[in-house]
Amino acid sequence: MKIIHMDIKHGSVTLIPETLDDFWVLYNVIERGDTVYARTRREIRLNERYSRPEKGRRISAYLGLKVEDVKWDRSMNRLRIHGIICEAP
């Protein structure tokens, strides 16, 4: 895990996970009520209400989540963080 920035006074850490073990550590560290920021991809669909559904375009977004649940998906080796979006562009 590569630590980019650590602010102990405010309790924040900016890091880049590099291996699956790093995600396992994050699974054990992140708790309910924490705020997690990450870059994600969202699909945007226009005029879907009255027209035939079409494939939307994907955009990259930087979101902040208020954590409600953290799960480790063993079959896909993914860390899934569920919560409410608290910051978005």
N, C-alpha and C. Protein backbone atom coordinates (compact mmCIF):
# COMPACT_ATOMS: atom_id res chain seq x y z
N MET A 1 0.85 -1.16 0.00
CA MET A 1 0.00 0.00 0.00
C MET A 1 0.90 1.23 0.00
N LYS A 2 0.58 2.15 -0.87
CA LYS A 2 1.37 3.36 -0.99
C LYS A 2 0.61 4.51 -0.31
N ILE A 3 1.17 5.06 0.76
CA ILE A 3 0.54 6.17 1.47
C ILE A 3 1.00 7.47 0.83
N ILE A 4 0.05 8.23 0.31
CA ILE A 4 0.32 9.49 -0.38
C ILE A 4 0.38 10.64 0.62
N HIS A 5 -0.60 10.67 1.53
CA HIS A 5 -0.69 11.77 2.50
C HIS A 5 -1.36 11.25 3.77
N MET A 6 -0.85 11.66 4.93
CA MET A 6 -1.45 11.27 6.20
C MET A 6 -1.59 12.51 7.08
N ASP A 7 -2.81 12.77 7.54
CA ASP A 7 -3.09 13.90 8.41
C ASP A 7 -3.69 13.36 9.71
N ILE A 8 -2.86 13.16 10.70
CA ILE A 8 -3.30 12.57 11.96
C ILE A 8 -4.24 13.51 12.70
N LYS A 9 -4.00 14.81 12.59
CA LYS A 9 -4.83 15.80 13.28
C LYS A 9 -6.29 15.70 12.86
N HIS A 10 -6.54 15.52 11.55
CA HIS A 10 -7.90 15.44 11.04
C HIS A 10 -8.36 14.00 10.82
N GLY A 11 -7.49 13.03 11.04
CA GLY A 11 -7.85 11.63 10.90
C GLY A 11 -8.09 11.19 9.47
N SER A 12 -7.27 11.69 8.54
CA SER A 12 -7.46 11.31 7.14
C SER A 12 -6.17 10.74 6.56
N VAL A 13 -6.35 9.81 5.63
CA VAL A 13 -5.22 9.18 4.95
C VAL A 13 -5.57 9.08 3.47
N THR A 14 -4.62 9.44 2.62
CA THR A 14 -4.75 9.25 1.18
C THR A 14 -3.78 8.15 0.79
N LEU A 15 -4.31 7.09 0.15
CA LEU A 15 -3.45 5.95 -0.17
C LEU A 15 -3.86 5.30 -1.47
N ILE A 16 -2.96 4.46 -1.97
CA ILE A 16 -3.21 3.68 -3.18
C ILE A 16 -2.96 2.22 -2.85
N PRO A 17 -4.01 1.38 -2.85
CA PRO A 17 -3.81 -0.05 -2.62
C PRO A 17 -3.11 -0.67 -3.83
N GLU A 18 -2.15 -1.56 -3.57
CA GLU A 18 -1.37 -2.15 -4.66
C GLU A 18 -1.58 -3.65 -4.80
N THR A 19 -1.98 -4.33 -3.72
CA THR A 19 -2.18 -5.78 -3.77
C THR A 19 -3.52 -6.13 -3.14
N LEU A 20 -3.93 -7.39 -3.28
CA LEU A 20 -5.17 -7.85 -2.66
C LEU A 20 -5.09 -7.78 -1.14
N ASP A 21 -3.90 -7.98 -0.59
CA ASP A 21 -3.73 -7.87 0.86
C ASP A 21 -4.04 -6.47 1.35
N ASP A 22 -3.76 -5.46 0.55
CA ASP A 22 -4.07 -4.08 0.92
C ASP A 22 -5.58 -3.89 1.05
N PHE A 23 -6.34 -4.49 0.14
CA PHE A 23 -7.80 -4.40 0.22
C PHE A 23 -8.33 -5.13 1.45
N TRP A 24 -7.69 -6.23 1.82
CA TRP A 24 -8.09 -6.97 3.01
C TRP A 24 -7.85 -6.11 4.27
N VAL A 25 -6.73 -5.40 4.30
CA VAL A 25 -6.44 -4.50 5.42
C VAL A 25 -7.49 -3.39 5.48
N LEU A 26 -7.82 -2.80 4.34
CA LEU A 26 -8.84 -1.75 4.31
C LEU A 26 -10.20 -2.28 4.77
N TYR A 27 -10.52 -3.52 4.41
CA TYR A 27 -11.76 -4.14 4.85
C TYR A 27 -11.83 -4.18 6.38
N ASN A 28 -10.71 -4.43 7.02
CA ASN A 28 -10.66 -4.51 8.48
C ASN A 28 -10.53 -3.15 9.16
N VAL A 29 -10.15 -2.11 8.42
CA VAL A 29 -9.94 -0.79 9.01
C VAL A 29 -11.16 0.13 8.84
N ILE A 30 -11.80 0.08 7.68
CA ILE A 30 -12.93 0.97 7.40
C ILE A 30 -14.13 0.53 8.23
N GLU A 31 -14.75 1.51 8.90
CA GLU A 31 -15.90 1.23 9.77
C GLU A 31 -17.11 2.04 9.35
N ARG A 32 -18.25 1.64 9.86
CA ARG A 32 -19.50 2.36 9.61
C ARG A 32 -19.36 3.79 10.14
N GLY A 33 -19.78 4.76 9.33
CA GLY A 33 -19.68 6.16 9.72
C GLY A 33 -18.47 6.87 9.14
N ASP A 34 -17.48 6.11 8.65
CA ASP A 34 -16.32 6.73 8.01
C ASP A 34 -16.74 7.34 6.68
N THR A 35 -15.95 8.27 6.20
CA THR A 35 -16.16 8.85 4.87
C THR A 35 -15.03 8.39 3.98
N VAL A 36 -15.39 7.79 2.86
CA VAL A 36 -14.41 7.23 1.92
C VAL A 36 -14.57 7.93 0.58
N TYR A 37 -13.46 8.34 -0.01
CA TYR A 37 -13.46 8.98 -1.32
C TYR A 37 -12.77 8.07 -2.32
N ALA A 38 -13.34 7.97 -3.51
CA ALA A 38 -12.74 7.14 -4.55
C ALA A 38 -13.22 7.59 -5.92
N ARG A 39 -12.43 7.27 -6.91
CA ARG A 39 -12.81 7.54 -8.29
C ARG A 39 -13.61 6.34 -8.78
N THR A 40 -14.72 6.61 -9.43
CA THR A 40 -15.59 5.56 -9.94
C THR A 40 -16.09 5.93 -11.32
N ARG A 41 -16.70 4.98 -11.99
CA ARG A 41 -17.27 5.24 -13.31
C ARG A 41 -18.78 5.10 -13.22
N ARG A 42 -19.48 6.09 -13.75
CA ARG A 42 -20.94 6.11 -13.73
C ARG A 42 -21.46 6.12 -15.16
N GLU A 43 -22.60 5.45 -15.36
CA GLU A 43 -23.23 5.44 -16.68
C GLU A 43 -24.32 6.50 -16.71
N ILE A 44 -24.24 7.39 -17.68
CA ILE A 44 -25.20 8.47 -17.85
C ILE A 44 -26.10 8.13 -19.02
N ARG A 45 -27.41 8.14 -18.77
CA ARG A 45 -28.38 7.88 -19.84
C ARG A 45 -29.27 9.11 -19.99
N LEU A 46 -29.47 9.51 -21.22
CA LEU A 46 -30.30 10.67 -21.51
C LEU A 46 -31.61 10.24 -22.16
N ASN A 47 -32.68 10.95 -21.86
CA ASN A 47 -34.00 10.72 -22.47
C ASN A 47 -34.48 9.28 -22.33
N GLU A 48 -34.24 8.66 -21.20
CA GLU A 48 -34.65 7.27 -21.03
C GLU A 48 -36.13 7.14 -20.69
N ARG A 49 -36.72 8.16 -20.15
CA ARG A 49 -38.08 8.06 -19.65
C ARG A 49 -39.09 7.71 -20.74
N TYR A 50 -39.06 8.40 -21.87
CA TYR A 50 -40.08 8.21 -22.89
C TYR A 50 -39.57 7.49 -24.14
N SER A 51 -38.31 7.27 -24.21
CA SER A 51 -37.78 6.63 -25.41
C SER A 51 -37.25 5.24 -25.08
N ARG A 52 -36.87 4.57 -26.10
CA ARG A 52 -36.32 3.23 -25.96
C ARG A 52 -34.98 3.31 -25.21
N PRO A 53 -34.76 2.43 -24.24
CA PRO A 53 -33.49 2.50 -23.49
C PRO A 53 -32.30 2.25 -24.41
N GLU A 54 -31.35 3.13 -24.32
CA GLU A 54 -30.13 3.00 -25.10
C GLU A 54 -28.95 2.89 -24.16
N LYS A 55 -27.88 2.45 -24.71
CA LYS A 55 -26.67 2.36 -23.92
C LYS A 55 -26.17 3.78 -23.61
N GLY A 56 -25.92 4.04 -22.35
CA GLY A 56 -25.45 5.37 -21.96
C GLY A 56 -23.95 5.49 -22.11
N ARG A 57 -23.46 6.68 -21.85
CA ARG A 57 -22.01 6.87 -21.91
C ARG A 57 -21.47 6.86 -20.49
N ARG A 58 -20.26 6.40 -20.34
CA ARG A 58 -19.63 6.30 -19.02
C ARG A 58 -18.75 7.51 -18.77
N ILE A 59 -18.86 8.04 -17.55
CA ILE A 59 -18.00 9.15 -17.16
C ILE A 59 -17.29 8.77 -15.87
N SER A 60 -16.14 9.36 -15.65
CA SER A 60 -15.38 9.14 -14.44
C SER A 60 -15.76 10.22 -13.43
N ALA A 61 -16.00 9.81 -12.18
CA ALA A 61 -16.41 10.76 -11.15
C ALA A 61 -15.67 10.46 -9.85
N TYR A 62 -15.43 11.48 -9.06
CA TYR A 62 -14.79 11.36 -7.76
C TYR A 62 -15.88 11.54 -6.72
N LEU A 63 -16.23 10.47 -6.00
CA LEU A 63 -17.35 10.49 -5.06
C LEU A 63 -16.88 10.30 -3.62
N GLY A 64 -17.65 10.86 -2.71
CA GLY A 64 -17.45 10.64 -1.28
C GLY A 64 -18.63 9.85 -0.74
N LEU A 65 -18.35 8.78 0.00
CA LEU A 65 -19.39 7.93 0.57
C LEU A 65 -19.34 7.96 2.09
N LYS A 66 -20.49 8.06 2.72
CA LYS A 66 -20.62 7.86 4.16
C LYS A 66 -20.88 6.37 4.34
N VAL A 67 -19.93 5.64 4.89
CA VAL A 67 -19.95 4.18 4.91
C VAL A 67 -21.07 3.65 5.80
N GLU A 68 -21.84 2.72 5.25
CA GLU A 68 -22.85 2.00 6.01
C GLU A 68 -22.48 0.53 6.17
N ASP A 69 -21.79 -0.04 5.17
CA ASP A 69 -21.43 -1.45 5.23
C ASP A 69 -20.20 -1.69 4.36
N VAL A 70 -19.33 -2.58 4.81
CA VAL A 70 -18.13 -2.95 4.05
C VAL A 70 -18.14 -4.46 3.88
N LYS A 71 -17.97 -4.93 2.64
CA LYS A 71 -17.98 -6.37 2.37
C LYS A 71 -16.78 -6.73 1.52
N TRP A 72 -16.25 -7.93 1.77
CA TRP A 72 -15.16 -8.47 0.97
C TRP A 72 -15.74 -9.59 0.12
N ASP A 73 -15.72 -9.42 -1.19
CA ASP A 73 -16.24 -10.42 -2.12
C ASP A 73 -15.12 -11.39 -2.46
N ARG A 74 -15.16 -12.58 -1.87
CA ARG A 74 -14.08 -13.55 -2.05
C ARG A 74 -14.02 -14.09 -3.47
N SER A 75 -15.17 -14.27 -4.10
CA SER A 75 -15.18 -14.86 -5.43
C SER A 75 -14.57 -13.92 -6.48
N MET A 76 -14.75 -12.61 -6.32
CA MET A 76 -14.23 -11.66 -7.30
C MET A 76 -13.03 -10.87 -6.78
N ASN A 77 -12.64 -11.13 -5.52
CA ASN A 77 -11.54 -10.39 -4.89
C ASN A 77 -11.74 -8.88 -4.99
N ARG A 78 -12.91 -8.44 -4.52
CA ARG A 78 -13.23 -7.01 -4.54
C ARG A 78 -13.69 -6.55 -3.17
N LEU A 79 -13.34 -5.32 -2.86
CA LEU A 79 -13.81 -4.67 -1.66
C LEU A 79 -15.03 -3.84 -2.05
N ARG A 80 -16.15 -4.12 -1.43
CA ARG A 80 -17.38 -3.39 -1.74
C ARG A 80 -17.75 -2.52 -0.54
N ILE A 81 -17.85 -1.23 -0.79
CA ILE A 81 -18.20 -0.28 0.25
C ILE A 81 -19.56 0.31 -0.09
N HIS A 82 -20.53 0.08 0.77
CA HIS A 82 -21.89 0.56 0.55
C HIS A 82 -22.15 1.74 1.47
N GLY A 83 -22.86 2.74 0.95
CA GLY A 83 -23.17 3.89 1.77
C GLY A 83 -23.93 4.94 0.99
N ILE A 84 -24.06 6.08 1.61
CA ILE A 84 -24.78 7.20 1.03
C ILE A 84 -23.76 8.18 0.45
N ILE A 85 -24.02 8.63 -0.77
CA ILE A 85 -23.12 9.59 -1.41
C ILE A 85 -23.25 10.92 -0.68
N CYS A 86 -22.13 11.39 -0.13
CA CYS A 86 -22.15 12.66 0.61
C CYS A 86 -21.50 13.79 -0.17
N GLU A 87 -20.64 13.45 -1.13
CA GLU A 87 -20.02 14.48 -1.97
C GLU A 87 -19.90 13.95 -3.39
N ALA A 88 -20.30 14.77 -4.33
CA ALA A 88 -20.23 14.39 -5.74
C ALA A 88 -20.06 15.66 -6.57
N PRO A 89 -19.55 15.52 -7.80
CA PRO A 89 -19.37 16.72 -8.64
C PRO A 89 -20.68 17.30 -9.10
